Amino acid sequence: MTNARLVLTTIGLKETAERLAQQLVERRLAACVNIVGPIRSVYRWKGRIENEQEYLLLVKTTVECVAKLQAAFKELHPYELPECVELAIDGGSEAYLAWLTSEVGGQGL
């Protein structure tokens, strides 16, 4: 088990996704953010079924920064209720995970 986490969120516009990704890395809340898409999301919101094009952000962070990342979503994310799903990373390349940890909240390698 590592302290690395993968946090998922979605955003409707590519430019907004890129801006959020940039801000999260600049603030050292994420070591890396992958932007995937466009994707199609089907979900229920306020009693209606929605079918929207979105971009999926894969945010690489640490357990220590998840609360700060959630606070940043409240500040920076355009959605009223942004998706914020945290997945534990159980393993992986030791060198990559060391880099991830050093880049989030720290001074980098």
N, C-alpha and C. Protein backbone atom coordinates (compact mmCIF):
# COMPACT_ATOMS: atom_id res chain seq x y z
N MET A 1 0.85 -1.18 0.00
CA MET A 1 0.00 0.00 0.00
C MET A 1 0.89 1.24 0.00
N THR A 2 0.48 2.24 -0.75
CA THR A 2 1.22 3.50 -0.84
C THR A 2 0.33 4.63 -0.36
N ASN A 3 0.89 5.83 -0.27
CA ASN A 3 0.06 6.99 0.06
C ASN A 3 -0.46 7.66 -1.20
N ALA A 4 -0.18 7.10 -2.38
CA ALA A 4 -0.62 7.67 -3.65
C ALA A 4 -2.12 7.44 -3.84
N ARG A 5 -2.75 8.43 -4.44
CA ARG A 5 -4.19 8.36 -4.72
C ARG A 5 -4.46 8.83 -6.14
N LEU A 6 -5.52 8.29 -6.72
CA LEU A 6 -6.03 8.72 -8.01
C LEU A 6 -7.42 9.29 -7.75
N VAL A 7 -7.61 10.57 -8.08
CA VAL A 7 -8.89 11.22 -7.86
C VAL A 7 -9.50 11.50 -9.23
N LEU A 8 -10.76 11.13 -9.39
CA LEU A 8 -11.48 11.31 -10.65
C LEU A 8 -12.44 12.48 -10.54
N THR A 9 -12.51 13.27 -11.62
CA THR A 9 -13.54 14.29 -11.74
C THR A 9 -13.85 14.47 -13.21
N THR A 10 -14.97 15.09 -13.51
CA THR A 10 -15.35 15.38 -14.89
C THR A 10 -15.70 16.85 -15.02
N ILE A 11 -15.51 17.36 -16.25
CA ILE A 11 -15.80 18.76 -16.57
C ILE A 11 -16.33 18.80 -18.00
N GLY A 12 -17.24 19.70 -18.26
CA GLY A 12 -17.90 19.77 -19.55
C GLY A 12 -17.09 20.35 -20.70
N LEU A 13 -16.18 21.27 -20.44
CA LEU A 13 -15.44 21.94 -21.50
C LEU A 13 -13.95 21.62 -21.43
N LYS A 14 -13.34 21.37 -22.58
CA LYS A 14 -11.92 21.04 -22.65
C LYS A 14 -11.06 22.16 -22.06
N GLU A 15 -11.35 23.40 -22.39
CA GLU A 15 -10.57 24.53 -21.90
C GLU A 15 -10.63 24.62 -20.38
N THR A 16 -11.79 24.36 -19.81
CA THR A 16 -11.96 24.39 -18.36
C THR A 16 -11.19 23.25 -17.71
N ALA A 17 -11.22 22.08 -18.33
CA ALA A 17 -10.46 20.92 -17.83
C ALA A 17 -8.97 21.23 -17.83
N GLU A 18 -8.48 21.84 -18.91
CA GLU A 18 -7.06 22.18 -19.00
C GLU A 18 -6.67 23.22 -17.96
N ARG A 19 -7.54 24.19 -17.73
CA ARG A 19 -7.26 25.24 -16.75
C ARG A 19 -7.22 24.64 -15.33
N LEU A 20 -8.18 23.78 -15.01
CA LEU A 20 -8.21 23.16 -13.69
C LEU A 20 -6.97 22.29 -13.49
N ALA A 21 -6.61 21.50 -14.49
CA ALA A 21 -5.43 20.64 -14.39
C ALA A 21 -4.18 21.48 -14.12
N GLN A 22 -4.03 22.57 -14.85
CA GLN A 22 -2.88 23.46 -14.69
C GLN A 22 -2.82 24.02 -13.27
N GLN A 23 -3.96 24.47 -12.76
CA GLN A 23 -4.01 25.06 -11.42
C GLN A 23 -3.68 24.03 -10.34
N LEU A 24 -4.15 22.80 -10.51
CA LEU A 24 -3.89 21.77 -9.50
C LEU A 24 -2.41 21.41 -9.46
N VAL A 25 -1.76 21.34 -10.62
CA VAL A 25 -0.33 21.04 -10.65
C VAL A 25 0.47 22.24 -10.12
N GLU A 26 0.09 23.46 -10.53
CA GLU A 26 0.78 24.65 -10.03
C GLU A 26 0.72 24.75 -8.51
N ARG A 27 -0.40 24.39 -7.93
CA ARG A 27 -0.58 24.46 -6.47
C ARG A 27 0.02 23.26 -5.75
N ARG A 28 0.61 22.35 -6.49
CA ARG A 28 1.20 21.12 -5.95
C ARG A 28 0.17 20.24 -5.24
N LEU A 29 -1.07 20.29 -5.71
CA LEU A 29 -2.10 19.39 -5.23
C LEU A 29 -2.16 18.13 -6.06
N ALA A 30 -1.51 18.16 -7.21
CA ALA A 30 -1.42 17.01 -8.11
C ALA A 30 -0.04 16.98 -8.74
N ALA A 31 0.50 15.78 -8.87
CA ALA A 31 1.77 15.63 -9.58
C ALA A 31 1.52 15.63 -11.09
N CYS A 32 0.37 15.11 -11.48
CA CYS A 32 0.02 14.98 -12.89
C CYS A 32 -1.50 14.88 -12.99
N VAL A 33 -2.04 15.46 -14.05
CA VAL A 33 -3.47 15.31 -14.34
C VAL A 33 -3.60 14.91 -15.80
N ASN A 34 -4.19 13.74 -16.04
CA ASN A 34 -4.49 13.31 -17.41
C ASN A 34 -5.90 13.76 -17.74
N ILE A 35 -6.07 14.28 -18.95
CA ILE A 35 -7.39 14.71 -19.42
C ILE A 35 -7.78 13.75 -20.54
N VAL A 36 -8.87 13.04 -20.32
CA VAL A 36 -9.34 12.01 -21.25
C VAL A 36 -10.66 12.46 -21.84
N GLY A 37 -10.78 12.35 -23.14
CA GLY A 37 -12.08 12.66 -23.70
C GLY A 37 -12.02 13.33 -25.04
N PRO A 38 -13.17 13.66 -25.50
CA PRO A 38 -14.43 13.69 -24.74
C PRO A 38 -14.98 12.29 -24.48
N ILE A 39 -15.73 12.20 -23.39
CA ILE A 39 -16.45 10.99 -23.01
C ILE A 39 -17.93 11.35 -22.95
N ARG A 40 -18.78 10.37 -22.80
CA ARG A 40 -20.22 10.59 -22.66
C ARG A 40 -20.62 10.16 -21.26
N SER A 41 -21.28 11.02 -20.52
CA SER A 41 -21.76 10.72 -19.17
C SER A 41 -23.28 10.74 -19.14
N VAL A 42 -23.85 9.69 -18.60
CA VAL A 42 -25.30 9.59 -18.43
C VAL A 42 -25.54 9.48 -16.93
N TYR A 43 -26.34 10.40 -16.38
CA TYR A 43 -26.54 10.45 -14.93
C TYR A 43 -27.87 11.13 -14.62
N ARG A 44 -28.33 10.91 -13.39
CA ARG A 44 -29.55 11.56 -12.94
C ARG A 44 -29.15 12.81 -12.14
N TRP A 45 -29.75 13.95 -12.47
CA TRP A 45 -29.45 15.20 -11.77
C TRP A 45 -30.74 15.98 -11.62
N LYS A 46 -31.10 16.24 -10.35
CA LYS A 46 -32.29 17.01 -10.02
C LYS A 46 -33.55 16.46 -10.71
N GLY A 47 -33.67 15.12 -10.64
CA GLY A 47 -34.86 14.46 -11.14
C GLY A 47 -34.89 14.17 -12.63
N ARG A 48 -33.86 14.58 -13.35
CA ARG A 48 -33.82 14.35 -14.80
C ARG A 48 -32.62 13.49 -15.16
N ILE A 49 -32.76 12.70 -16.20
CA ILE A 49 -31.63 11.95 -16.72
C ILE A 49 -30.90 12.82 -17.73
N GLU A 50 -29.63 13.05 -17.47
CA GLU A 50 -28.78 13.88 -18.33
C GLU A 50 -27.89 12.98 -19.18
N ASN A 51 -27.54 13.46 -20.35
CA ASN A 51 -26.64 12.75 -21.26
C ASN A 51 -25.72 13.80 -21.85
N GLU A 52 -24.52 13.94 -21.30
CA GLU A 52 -23.64 15.06 -21.63
C GLU A 52 -22.26 14.61 -22.07
N GLN A 53 -21.65 15.41 -22.91
CA GLN A 53 -20.25 15.24 -23.25
C GLN A 53 -19.42 15.88 -22.14
N GLU A 54 -18.40 15.16 -21.67
CA GLU A 54 -17.54 15.68 -20.62
C GLU A 54 -16.11 15.24 -20.88
N TYR A 55 -15.20 15.76 -20.06
CA TYR A 55 -13.81 15.36 -20.06
C TYR A 55 -13.51 14.78 -18.69
N LEU A 56 -12.84 13.64 -18.67
CA LEU A 56 -12.48 12.95 -17.44
C LEU A 56 -11.07 13.36 -17.04
N LEU A 57 -10.91 13.82 -15.80
CA LEU A 57 -9.60 14.17 -15.27
C LEU A 57 -9.16 13.09 -14.30
N LEU A 58 -7.96 12.56 -14.53
CA LEU A 58 -7.33 11.58 -13.66
C LEU A 58 -6.24 12.32 -12.89
N VAL A 59 -6.50 12.61 -11.64
CA VAL A 59 -5.62 13.45 -10.83
C VAL A 59 -4.76 12.55 -9.94
N LYS A 60 -3.43 12.61 -10.14
CA LYS A 60 -2.51 11.83 -9.32
C LYS A 60 -2.06 12.69 -8.15
N THR A 61 -2.34 12.22 -6.92
CA THR A 61 -2.04 12.99 -5.72
C THR A 61 -1.67 12.04 -4.59
N THR A 62 -1.64 12.55 -3.37
CA THR A 62 -1.35 11.72 -2.20
C THR A 62 -2.49 11.83 -1.21
N VAL A 63 -2.55 10.88 -0.31
CA VAL A 63 -3.60 10.87 0.70
C VAL A 63 -3.57 12.15 1.53
N GLU A 64 -2.37 12.69 1.76
CA GLU A 64 -2.24 13.91 2.55
C GLU A 64 -2.84 15.13 1.87
N CYS A 65 -2.95 15.11 0.54
CA CYS A 65 -3.45 16.28 -0.21
C CYS A 65 -4.90 16.15 -0.66
N VAL A 66 -5.55 15.04 -0.37
CA VAL A 66 -6.92 14.85 -0.86
C VAL A 66 -7.87 15.90 -0.30
N ALA A 67 -7.79 16.21 0.97
CA ALA A 67 -8.69 17.22 1.56
C ALA A 67 -8.45 18.58 0.92
N LYS A 68 -7.19 18.95 0.68
CA LYS A 68 -6.88 20.22 0.01
C LYS A 68 -7.37 20.20 -1.43
N LEU A 69 -7.30 19.06 -2.07
CA LEU A 69 -7.80 18.91 -3.44
C LEU A 69 -9.32 19.11 -3.47
N GLN A 70 -10.02 18.53 -2.51
CA GLN A 70 -11.46 18.71 -2.43
C GLN A 70 -11.82 20.18 -2.21
N ALA A 71 -11.07 20.87 -1.38
CA ALA A 71 -11.30 22.30 -1.16
C ALA A 71 -11.04 23.09 -2.44
N ALA A 72 -10.02 22.71 -3.19
CA ALA A 72 -9.72 23.38 -4.46
C ALA A 72 -10.84 23.14 -5.46
N PHE A 73 -11.43 21.94 -5.46
CA PHE A 73 -12.57 21.68 -6.35
C PHE A 73 -13.71 22.64 -6.03
N LYS A 74 -13.99 22.86 -4.74
CA LYS A 74 -15.07 23.78 -4.36
C LYS A 74 -14.79 25.19 -4.85
N GLU A 75 -13.52 25.58 -4.85
CA GLU A 75 -13.12 26.91 -5.29
C GLU A 75 -13.06 27.04 -6.81
N LEU A 76 -12.50 26.04 -7.49
CA LEU A 76 -12.14 26.16 -8.90
C LEU A 76 -13.07 25.44 -9.88
N HIS A 77 -13.74 24.40 -9.42
CA HIS A 77 -14.55 23.56 -10.32
C HIS A 77 -15.86 24.27 -10.65
N PRO A 78 -16.25 24.27 -11.91
CA PRO A 78 -17.47 25.00 -12.29
C PRO A 78 -18.78 24.30 -11.91
N TYR A 79 -18.75 23.03 -11.58
CA TYR A 79 -19.99 22.31 -11.29
C TYR A 79 -20.48 22.61 -9.88
N GLU A 80 -21.79 22.61 -9.72
CA GLU A 80 -22.42 22.78 -8.41
C GLU A 80 -22.01 21.65 -7.47
N LEU A 81 -21.95 20.44 -8.00
CA LEU A 81 -21.55 19.26 -7.23
C LEU A 81 -20.52 18.48 -8.06
N PRO A 82 -19.25 18.87 -7.96
CA PRO A 82 -18.25 18.18 -8.78
C PRO A 82 -17.99 16.76 -8.30
N GLU A 83 -17.81 15.88 -9.27
CA GLU A 83 -17.39 14.52 -8.94
C GLU A 83 -16.02 14.59 -8.27
N CYS A 84 -15.87 13.83 -7.20
CA CYS A 84 -14.57 13.71 -6.53
C CYS A 84 -14.53 12.30 -5.95
N VAL A 85 -13.97 11.38 -6.72
CA VAL A 85 -13.90 9.99 -6.33
C VAL A 85 -12.43 9.65 -6.12
N GLU A 86 -12.10 9.18 -4.93
CA GLU A 86 -10.71 8.87 -4.56
C GLU A 86 -10.49 7.36 -4.61
N LEU A 87 -9.44 6.96 -5.33
CA LEU A 87 -9.05 5.55 -5.41
C LEU A 87 -7.65 5.40 -4.83
N ALA A 88 -7.46 4.42 -3.97
CA ALA A 88 -6.13 4.14 -3.44
C ALA A 88 -5.30 3.44 -4.51
N ILE A 89 -4.04 3.79 -4.59
CA ILE A 89 -3.10 3.12 -5.49
C ILE A 89 -2.32 2.13 -4.64
N ASP A 90 -2.54 0.85 -4.87
CA ASP A 90 -1.93 -0.18 -4.04
C ASP A 90 -0.48 -0.46 -4.38
N GLY A 91 -0.07 -0.13 -5.58
CA GLY A 91 1.31 -0.42 -5.99
C GLY A 91 1.60 0.21 -7.33
N GLY A 92 2.80 -0.04 -7.80
CA GLY A 92 3.22 0.51 -9.08
C GLY A 92 4.73 0.69 -9.08
N SER A 93 5.22 1.38 -10.06
CA SER A 93 6.64 1.66 -10.18
C SER A 93 7.10 2.47 -8.97
N GLU A 94 8.07 1.95 -8.22
CA GLU A 94 8.56 2.66 -7.04
C GLU A 94 9.11 4.03 -7.42
N ALA A 95 9.81 4.10 -8.53
CA ALA A 95 10.39 5.38 -8.97
C ALA A 95 9.29 6.39 -9.30
N TYR A 96 8.24 5.95 -10.01
CA TYR A 96 7.14 6.85 -10.35
C TYR A 96 6.42 7.32 -9.09
N LEU A 97 6.14 6.40 -8.18
CA LEU A 97 5.42 6.77 -6.96
C LEU A 97 6.25 7.71 -6.09
N ALA A 98 7.58 7.53 -6.08
CA ALA A 98 8.45 8.47 -5.35
C ALA A 98 8.39 9.85 -5.99
N TRP A 99 8.40 9.89 -7.33
CA TRP A 99 8.29 11.18 -8.03
C TRP A 99 6.96 11.84 -7.70
N LEU A 100 5.87 11.07 -7.77
CA LEU A 100 4.53 11.60 -7.48
C LEU A 100 4.51 12.23 -6.09
N THR A 101 5.00 11.51 -5.11
CA THR A 101 5.00 12.00 -3.73
C THR A 101 5.84 13.27 -3.59
N SER A 102 6.97 13.31 -4.28
CA SER A 102 7.85 14.48 -4.16
C SER A 102 7.25 15.72 -4.82
N GLU A 103 6.42 15.53 -5.84
CA GLU A 103 5.85 16.66 -6.57
C GLU A 103 4.60 17.23 -5.89
N VAL A 104 3.92 16.43 -5.11
CA VAL A 104 2.69 16.87 -4.46
C VAL A 104 3.03 17.43 -3.09
N GLY A 105 2.79 18.72 -2.93
CA GLY A 105 2.99 19.37 -1.65
C GLY A 105 4.45 19.63 -1.30
N GLY A 106 5.38 19.16 -2.12
CA GLY A 106 6.80 19.31 -1.80
C GLY A 106 7.52 20.21 -2.78
N GLN A 107 8.80 20.02 -2.86
CA GLN A 107 9.63 20.85 -3.73
C GLN A 107 10.04 20.14 -5.02
N GLY A 108 9.64 18.89 -5.20
CA GLY A 108 9.98 18.16 -6.42
C GLY A 108 11.36 17.55 -6.33
N LEU A 109 11.63 16.67 -7.28
CA LEU A 109 12.92 15.98 -7.33
C LEU A 109 13.98 16.85 -7.95
